[in-house]
């Protein structure tokens, strides 16, 4: 009996060891391609949100503190002069973080926004990743300083994705944080910028408490 138990434990330990080794191998094999894919996506996003530039923005990024976290600011230059800024920021959506690349011109107006990562509900919140969705259209060509940074349901100027208010609120929050990062690097008055986006966080908490989730 003891021999059978010993053999069983030995077999289980061997299986565990082999499985762990296999997982490690798979991780090492896929780690490189995943990193490359993320790098390519980031480079494509920079090209989409910035004006033409002759430097390498990704190689000279600034990391600044915003809302107790960090955002990354990429400065685009032409002949040594700044022509635009791209800011990578994130906020918590309905199903995890929504990570954006937000492009600004030198006057603070938003040129374009690209979604780097999101895990929102397909057909609902995931629409934030679509080109020309209502949220991004509300921002392009405008400076956050000239907008009420909240969705219309919360008294703001930003159109929300239909039935996806929480995802839209997170998008607005990420843009607000990106603008705070832009102000810090470009020499603007970041201390005067409120990243709370008005009623955004409190309204989201209220919706969650009422069981409305992301289907508002």
C-alpha atoms as a PDB file:
ATOM      1  CA  UNK A   1       0.000   0.000   0.000  1.00  0.00           C
ATOM      2  CA  UNK A   2       2.793   2.381   0.962  1.00  0.00           C
ATOM      3  CA  UNK A   3       4.611   1.480  -2.244  1.00  0.00           C
ATOM      4  CA  UNK A   4       1.529   2.271  -4.351  1.00  0.00           C
ATOM      5  CA  UNK A   5       1.071   5.609  -2.596  1.00  0.00           C
ATOM      6  CA  UNK A   6       4.744   6.448  -3.114  1.00  0.00           C
ATOM      7  CA  UNK A   7       4.496   5.562  -6.803  1.00  0.00           C
ATOM      8  CA  UNK A   8       1.368   7.691  -7.194  1.00  0.00           C
ATOM      9  CA  UNK A   9       3.006  10.701  -5.547  1.00  0.00           C
ATOM     10  CA  UNK A  10       6.122  10.235  -7.674  1.00  0.00           C
ATOM     11  CA  UNK A  11       4.061  10.127 -10.870  1.00  0.00           C
ATOM     12  CA  UNK A  12       2.125  13.255  -9.871  1.00  0.00           C
ATOM     13  CA  UNK A  13       5.349  15.111  -9.078  1.00  0.00           C
ATOM     14  CA  UNK A  14       6.815  14.099 -12.431  1.00  0.00           C
ATOM     15  CA  UNK A  15       3.689  15.244 -14.269  1.00  0.00           C
ATOM     16  CA  UNK A  16       3.780  18.572 -12.409  1.00  0.00           C
ATOM     17  CA  UNK A  17       7.454  19.064 -13.225  1.00  0.00           C
ATOM     18  CA  UNK A  18       6.957  18.261 -16.910  1.00  0.00           C
ATOM     19  CA  UNK A  19       3.905  20.537 -17.131  1.00  0.00           C
ATOM     20  CA  UNK A  20       5.740  23.416 -15.451  1.00  0.00           C
ATOM     21  CA  UNK A  21       8.690  22.986 -17.790  1.00  0.00           C
ATOM     22  CA  UNK A  22       6.374  22.950 -20.804  1.00  0.00           C
ATOM     23  CA  UNK A  23       4.633  26.137 -19.659  1.00  0.00           C
ATOM     24  CA  UNK A  24       8.025  27.793 -19.198  1.00  0.00           C
ATOM     25  CA  UNK A  25       9.106  26.803 -22.697  1.00  0.00           C
ATOM     26  CA  UNK A  26       5.869  28.096 -24.230  1.00  0.00           C
ATOM     27  CA  UNK A  27       6.267  31.400 -22.363  1.00  0.00           C
ATOM     28  CA  UNK A  28       9.838  31.853 -23.567  1.00  0.00           C
ATOM     29  CA  UNK A  29       8.865  30.981 -27.133  1.00  0.00           C
ATOM     30  CA  UNK A  30       5.900  33.381 -27.224  1.00  0.00           C
ATOM     31  CA  UNK A  31       7.375  36.212 -25.137  1.00  0.00           C
ATOM     32  CA  UNK A  32       9.458  37.588 -27.998  1.00  0.00           C
ATOM     33  CA  UNK A  33       6.705  37.616 -30.657  1.00  0.00           C
ATOM     34  CA  UNK A  34       4.241  39.185 -28.205  1.00  0.00           C
ATOM     35  CA  UNK A  35       6.700  41.965 -27.364  1.00  0.00           C
ATOM     36  CA  UNK A  36       7.362  42.551 -31.064  1.00  0.00           C
ATOM     37  CA  UNK A  37       3.628  42.714 -31.807  1.00  0.00           C
ATOM     38  CA  UNK A  38       3.077  45.238 -29.011  1.00  0.00           C
ATOM     39  CA  UNK A  39       5.978  47.331 -30.267  1.00  0.00           C
ATOM     40  CA  UNK A  40       4.600  47.321 -33.798  1.00  0.00           C
ATOM     41  CA  UNK A  41       1.134  48.288 -32.555  1.00  0.00           C
ATOM     42  CA  UNK A  42       2.592  51.159 -30.543  1.00  0.00           C
ATOM     43  CA  UNK A  43       4.632  52.384 -33.521  1.00  0.00           C
ATOM     44  CA  UNK A  44       1.533  52.261 -35.726  1.00  0.00           C
ATOM     45  CA  UNK A  45      -0.465  54.187 -33.123  1.00  0.00           C
ATOM     46  CA  UNK A  46       2.225  56.871 -32.894  1.00  0.00           C
ATOM     47  CA  UNK A  47       2.139  57.285 -36.662  1.00  0.00           C
ATOM     48  CA  UNK A  48      -1.652  57.612 -36.608  1.00  0.00           C
ATOM     49  CA  UNK A  49      -1.915  60.222 -33.861  1.00  0.00           C
ATOM     50  CA  UNK A  50       1.125  62.418 -34.578  1.00  0.00           C
ATOM     51  CA  UNK A  51       1.904  64.834 -37.422  1.00  0.00           C
ATOM     52  CA  UNK A  52       4.917  64.070 -39.655  1.00  0.00           C
ATOM     53  CA  UNK A  53       8.161  63.957 -37.648  1.00  0.00           C
ATOM     54  CA  UNK A  54      11.842  63.263 -38.274  1.00  0.00           C
ATOM     55  CA  UNK A  55      12.876  61.923 -34.865  1.00  0.00           C
ATOM     56  CA  UNK A  56      12.153  58.640 -33.082  1.00  0.00           C
ATOM     57  CA  UNK A  57       9.521  59.510 -30.439  1.00  0.00           C
ATOM     58  CA  UNK A  58       9.399  55.993 -29.003  1.00  0.00           C
ATOM     59  CA  UNK A  59      13.087  56.106 -28.091  1.00  0.00           C
ATOM     60  CA  UNK A  60      12.878  59.315 -26.055  1.00  0.00           C
ATOM     61  CA  UNK A  61       9.730  58.975 -23.965  1.00  0.00           C
ATOM     62  CA  UNK A  62       8.998  60.795 -20.709  1.00  0.00           C
ATOM     63  CA  UNK A  63       7.161  59.043 -17.885  1.00  0.00           C
ATOM     64  CA  UNK A  64       5.214  61.398 -15.625  1.00  0.00           C
ATOM     65  CA  UNK A  65       2.978  60.932 -12.591  1.00  0.00           C
ATOM     66  CA  UNK A  66      -0.760  61.468 -13.024  1.00  0.00           C
ATOM     67  CA  UNK A  67      -3.549  60.483 -10.614  1.00  0.00           C
ATOM     68  CA  UNK A  68      -1.229  58.347  -8.529  1.00  0.00           C
ATOM     69  CA  UNK A  69      -0.166  56.403 -11.610  1.00  0.00           C
ATOM     70  CA  UNK A  70       2.015  57.048 -14.633  1.00  0.00           C
ATOM     71  CA  UNK A  71       1.511  58.068 -18.238  1.00  0.00           C
ATOM     72  CA  UNK A  72       4.093  57.995 -21.005  1.00  0.00           C
ATOM     73  CA  UNK A  73       4.607  61.030 -23.230  1.00  0.00           C
ATOM     74  CA  UNK A  74       6.288  60.801 -26.653  1.00  0.00           C
ATOM     75  CA  UNK A  75       7.477  64.054 -28.202  1.00  0.00           C
ATOM     76  CA  UNK A  76       7.541  64.327 -31.993  1.00  0.00           C
ATOM     77  CA  UNK A  77       9.922  66.856 -33.531  1.00  0.00           C
ATOM     78  CA  UNK A  78      10.777  68.194 -36.972  1.00  0.00           C
ATOM     79  CA  UNK A  79      14.171  69.833 -37.455  1.00  0.00           C
ATOM     80  CA  UNK A  80      14.575  69.827 -33.689  1.00  0.00           C
ATOM     81  CA  UNK A  81      11.315  71.634 -32.932  1.00  0.00           C
ATOM     82  CA  UNK A  82       8.311  69.968 -31.245  1.00  0.00           C
ATOM     83  CA  UNK A  83       5.412  69.388 -33.637  1.00  0.00           C
ATOM     84  CA  UNK A  84       3.218  67.168 -31.495  1.00  0.00           C
ATOM     85  CA  UNK A  85       2.909  64.885 -28.501  1.00  0.00           C
ATOM     86  CA  UNK A  86       1.500  61.380 -28.092  1.00  0.00           C
ATOM     87  CA  UNK A  87       0.483  60.243 -24.632  1.00  0.00           C
ATOM     88  CA  UNK A  88      -0.098  56.650 -23.562  1.00  0.00           C
ATOM     89  CA  UNK A  89      -2.598  56.505 -20.706  1.00  0.00           C
ATOM     90  CA  UNK A  90      -5.199  54.169 -19.237  1.00  0.00           C
ATOM     91  CA  UNK A  91      -8.331  54.032 -17.094  1.00  0.00           C
ATOM     92  CA  UNK A  92     -10.403  51.191 -15.707  1.00  0.00           C
ATOM     93  CA  UNK A  93     -13.340  50.232 -17.924  1.00  0.00           C
ATOM     94  CA  UNK A  94     -16.133  47.689 -17.527  1.00  0.00           C
ATOM     95  CA  UNK A  95     -13.820  44.704 -18.129  1.00  0.00           C
ATOM     96  CA  UNK A  96     -10.328  45.904 -17.242  1.00  0.00           C
ATOM     97  CA  UNK A  97      -8.067  48.732 -18.305  1.00  0.00           C
ATOM     98  CA  UNK A  98      -8.639  50.682 -21.493  1.00  0.00           C
ATOM     99  CA  UNK A  99      -5.256  51.875 -22.762  1.00  0.00           C
ATOM    100  CA  UNK A 100      -5.079  54.711 -25.275  1.00  0.00           C
ATOM    101  CA  UNK A 101      -2.553  56.594 -27.366  1.00  0.00           C
ATOM    102  CA  UNK A 102      -3.735  60.205 -27.545  1.00  0.00           C
ATOM    103  CA  UNK A 103      -2.125  62.614 -30.005  1.00  0.00           C
ATOM    104  CA  UNK A 104      -1.939  66.366 -29.351  1.00  0.00           C
ATOM    105  CA  UNK A 105      -0.709  69.231 -31.485  1.00  0.00           C
ATOM    106  CA  UNK A 106       1.497  71.901 -29.920  1.00  0.00           C
ATOM    107  CA  UNK A 107      -1.571  73.939 -28.944  1.00  0.00           C
ATOM    108  CA  UNK A 108      -3.156  71.080 -27.002  1.00  0.00           C
ATOM    109  CA  UNK A 109      -5.814  70.084 -29.530  1.00  0.00           C
ATOM    110  CA  UNK A 110      -6.348  66.357 -30.006  1.00  0.00           C
ATOM    111  CA  UNK A 111      -5.278  65.104 -33.434  1.00  0.00           C
ATOM    112  CA  UNK A 112      -6.389  61.494 -33.099  1.00  0.00           C
ATOM    113  CA  UNK A 113      -6.822  58.691 -30.569  1.00  0.00           C
ATOM    114  CA  UNK A 114      -5.936  55.019 -30.937  1.00  0.00           C
ATOM    115  CA  UNK A 115      -6.893  52.181 -28.590  1.00  0.00           C
ATOM    116  CA  UNK A 116      -3.861  50.091 -27.628  1.00  0.00           C
ATOM    117  CA  UNK A 117      -5.591  47.627 -25.310  1.00  0.00           C
ATOM    118  CA  UNK A 118      -9.158  46.922 -24.223  1.00  0.00           C
ATOM    119  CA  UNK A 119     -11.195  43.950 -23.081  1.00  0.00           C
ATOM    120  CA  UNK A 120     -14.682  45.423 -23.199  1.00  0.00           C
ATOM    121  CA  UNK A 121     -17.819  43.513 -24.187  1.00  0.00           C
ATOM    122  CA  UNK A 122     -17.897  42.681 -27.934  1.00  0.00           C
ATOM    123  CA  UNK A 123     -20.642  44.600 -29.713  1.00  0.00           C
ATOM    124  CA  UNK A 124     -20.937  47.054 -26.827  1.00  0.00           C
ATOM    125  CA  UNK A 125     -17.974  48.615 -25.025  1.00  0.00           C
ATOM    126  CA  UNK A 126     -15.517  47.117 -27.511  1.00  0.00           C
ATOM    127  CA  UNK A 127     -16.833  49.629 -30.052  1.00  0.00           C
ATOM    128  CA  UNK A 128     -14.503  52.169 -28.438  1.00  0.00           C
ATOM    129  CA  UNK A 129     -11.757  50.623 -30.579  1.00  0.00           C
ATOM    130  CA  UNK A 130     -13.608  51.384 -33.821  1.00  0.00           C
ATOM    131  CA  UNK A 131     -12.480  54.245 -36.035  1.00  0.00           C
ATOM    132  CA  UNK A 132     -14.655  57.362 -35.817  1.00  0.00           C
ATOM    133  CA  UNK A 133     -16.685  56.087 -32.875  1.00  0.00           C
ATOM    134  CA  UNK A 134     -18.813  58.766 -31.144  1.00  0.00           C
ATOM    135  CA  UNK A 135     -16.356  59.245 -28.279  1.00  0.00           C
ATOM    136  CA  UNK A 136     -13.293  59.928 -30.411  1.00  0.00           C
ATOM    137  CA  UNK A 137     -15.304  62.141 -32.778  1.00  0.00           C
ATOM    138  CA  UNK A 138     -16.236  64.280 -29.768  1.00  0.00           C
ATOM    139  CA  UNK A 139     -12.532  64.877 -29.100  1.00  0.00           C
ATOM    140  CA  UNK A 140     -10.733  65.216 -32.436  1.00  0.00           C
ATOM    141  CA  UNK A 141      -9.773  68.781 -33.291  1.00  0.00           C
ATOM    142  CA  UNK A 142     -10.583  70.057 -29.809  1.00  0.00           C
ATOM    143  CA  UNK A 143      -8.579  70.727 -26.677  1.00  0.00           C
ATOM    144  CA  UNK A 144      -9.747  69.058 -23.456  1.00  0.00           C
ATOM    145  CA  UNK A 145      -9.369  72.496 -21.858  1.00  0.00           C
ATOM    146  CA  UNK A 146     -12.316  73.676 -23.969  1.00  0.00           C
ATOM    147  CA  UNK A 147     -14.550  70.700 -23.158  1.00  0.00           C
ATOM    148  CA  UNK A 148     -16.605  69.515 -20.216  1.00  0.00           C
ATOM    149  CA  UNK A 149     -14.705  66.276 -19.729  1.00  0.00           C
ATOM    150  CA  UNK A 150     -17.591  63.906 -19.077  1.00  0.00           C
ATOM    151  CA  UNK A 151     -20.125  62.005 -21.165  1.00  0.00           C
ATOM    152  CA  UNK A 152     -23.369  63.828 -21.902  1.00  0.00           C
ATOM    153  CA  UNK A 153     -25.281  61.684 -19.412  1.00  0.00           C
ATOM    154  CA  UNK A 154     -23.057  63.186 -16.702  1.00  0.00           C
ATOM    155  CA  UNK A 155     -23.481  66.739 -17.990  1.00  0.00           C
ATOM    156  CA  UNK A 156     -20.401  66.762 -20.216  1.00  0.00           C
ATOM    157  CA  UNK A 157     -19.677  67.366 -23.895  1.00  0.00           C
ATOM    158  CA  UNK A 158     -18.654  63.841 -24.894  1.00  0.00           C
ATOM    159  CA  UNK A 159     -20.934  61.450 -26.770  1.00  0.00           C
ATOM    160  CA  UNK A 160     -20.946  57.927 -25.331  1.00  0.00           C
ATOM    161  CA  UNK A 161     -21.043  54.590 -27.115  1.00  0.00           C
ATOM    162  CA  UNK A 162     -24.651  53.370 -27.058  1.00  0.00           C
ATOM    163  CA  UNK A 163     -25.309  51.000 -24.128  1.00  0.00           C
ATOM    164  CA  UNK A 164     -21.684  51.347 -22.977  1.00  0.00           C
ATOM    165  CA  UNK A 165     -21.532  54.311 -20.653  1.00  0.00           C
ATOM    166  CA  UNK A 166     -18.947  52.870 -18.270  1.00  0.00           C
ATOM    167  CA  UNK A 167     -16.570  52.080 -21.147  1.00  0.00           C
ATOM    168  CA  UNK A 168     -17.110  55.584 -22.512  1.00  0.00           C
ATOM    169  CA  UNK A 169     -16.461  57.145 -19.113  1.00  0.00           C
ATOM    170  CA  UNK A 170     -13.186  55.245 -18.839  1.00  0.00           C
ATOM    171  CA  UNK A 171     -12.202  56.481 -22.307  1.00  0.00           C
ATOM    172  CA  UNK A 172     -12.855  60.073 -21.210  1.00  0.00           C
ATOM    173  CA  UNK A 173     -10.862  59.516 -18.021  1.00  0.00           C
ATOM    174  CA  UNK A 174      -7.900  58.132 -19.989  1.00  0.00           C
ATOM    175  CA  UNK A 175      -7.984  61.146 -22.329  1.00  0.00           C
ATOM    176  CA  UNK A 176      -8.101  63.486 -19.335  1.00  0.00           C
ATOM    177  CA  UNK A 177      -5.042  61.795 -17.843  1.00  0.00           C
ATOM    178  CA  UNK A 178      -3.291  61.975 -21.205  1.00  0.00           C
ATOM    179  CA  UNK A 179      -3.923  65.719 -21.322  1.00  0.00           C
ATOM    180  CA  UNK A 180      -2.431  66.085 -17.842  1.00  0.00           C
ATOM    181  CA  UNK A 181       0.689  64.297 -19.077  1.00  0.00           C
ATOM    182  CA  UNK A 182       0.820  66.478 -22.177  1.00  0.00           C
ATOM    183  CA  UNK A 183       0.667  69.620 -20.028  1.00  0.00           C
ATOM    184  CA  UNK A 184       3.543  68.451 -17.841  1.00  0.00           C
ATOM    185  CA  UNK A 185       5.883  67.751 -20.738  1.00  0.00           C
ATOM    186  CA  UNK A 186       4.873  70.632 -23.006  1.00  0.00           C
ATOM    187  CA  UNK A 187       5.224  73.235 -20.277  1.00  0.00           C
ATOM    188  CA  UNK A 188       1.531  73.853 -19.679  1.00  0.00           C
ATOM    189  CA  UNK A 189      -0.107  74.459 -16.307  1.00  0.00           C
ATOM    190  CA  UNK A 190      -0.719  70.859 -15.258  1.00  0.00           C
ATOM    191  CA  UNK A 191      -1.440  71.870 -11.662  1.00  0.00           C
ATOM    192  CA  UNK A 192      -4.652  73.565 -12.777  1.00  0.00           C
ATOM    193  CA  UNK A 193      -5.978  70.532 -14.664  1.00  0.00           C
ATOM    194  CA  UNK A 194      -8.530  68.378 -12.825  1.00  0.00           C
ATOM    195  CA  UNK A 195      -8.376  64.800 -14.116  1.00  0.00           C
ATOM    196  CA  UNK A 196     -11.467  63.667 -12.214  1.00  0.00           C
ATOM    197  CA  UNK A 197     -13.676  64.365 -15.268  1.00  0.00           C
ATOM    198  CA  UNK A 198     -16.484  65.816 -13.210  1.00  0.00           C
ATOM    199  CA  UNK A 199     -19.071  63.221 -12.229  1.00  0.00           C
ATOM    200  CA  UNK A 200     -17.364  60.388 -14.065  1.00  0.00           C
ATOM    201  CA  UNK A 201     -16.073  58.259 -11.205  1.00  0.00           C
ATOM    202  CA  UNK A 202     -19.012  58.859  -8.885  1.00  0.00           C
ATOM    203  CA  UNK A 203     -21.566  58.162 -11.606  1.00  0.00           C
ATOM    204  CA  UNK A 204     -19.824  54.927 -12.542  1.00  0.00           C
ATOM    205  CA  UNK A 205     -19.883  53.799  -8.923  1.00  0.00           C
ATOM    206  CA  UNK A 206     -23.584  54.631  -8.739  1.00  0.00           C
ATOM    207  CA  UNK A 207     -24.307  52.613 -11.880  1.00  0.00           C
ATOM    208  CA  UNK A 208     -22.385  49.633 -10.552  1.00  0.00           C
ATOM    209  CA  UNK A 209     -24.278  49.837  -7.237  1.00  0.00           C
ATOM    210  CA  UNK A 210     -27.588  49.879  -9.089  1.00  0.00           C
ATOM    211  CA  UNK A 211     -26.606  46.857 -11.132  1.00  0.00           C
ATOM    212  CA  UNK A 212     -26.494  48.726 -14.428  1.00  0.00           C
ATOM    213  CA  UNK A 213     -22.940  47.667 -15.283  1.00  0.00           C
ATOM    214  CA  UNK A 214     -21.780  48.586 -18.754  1.00  0.00           C
ATOM    215  CA  UNK A 215     -25.155  48.425 -20.448  1.00  0.00           C
ATOM    216  CA  UNK A 216     -26.245  51.997 -19.976  1.00  0.00           C
END
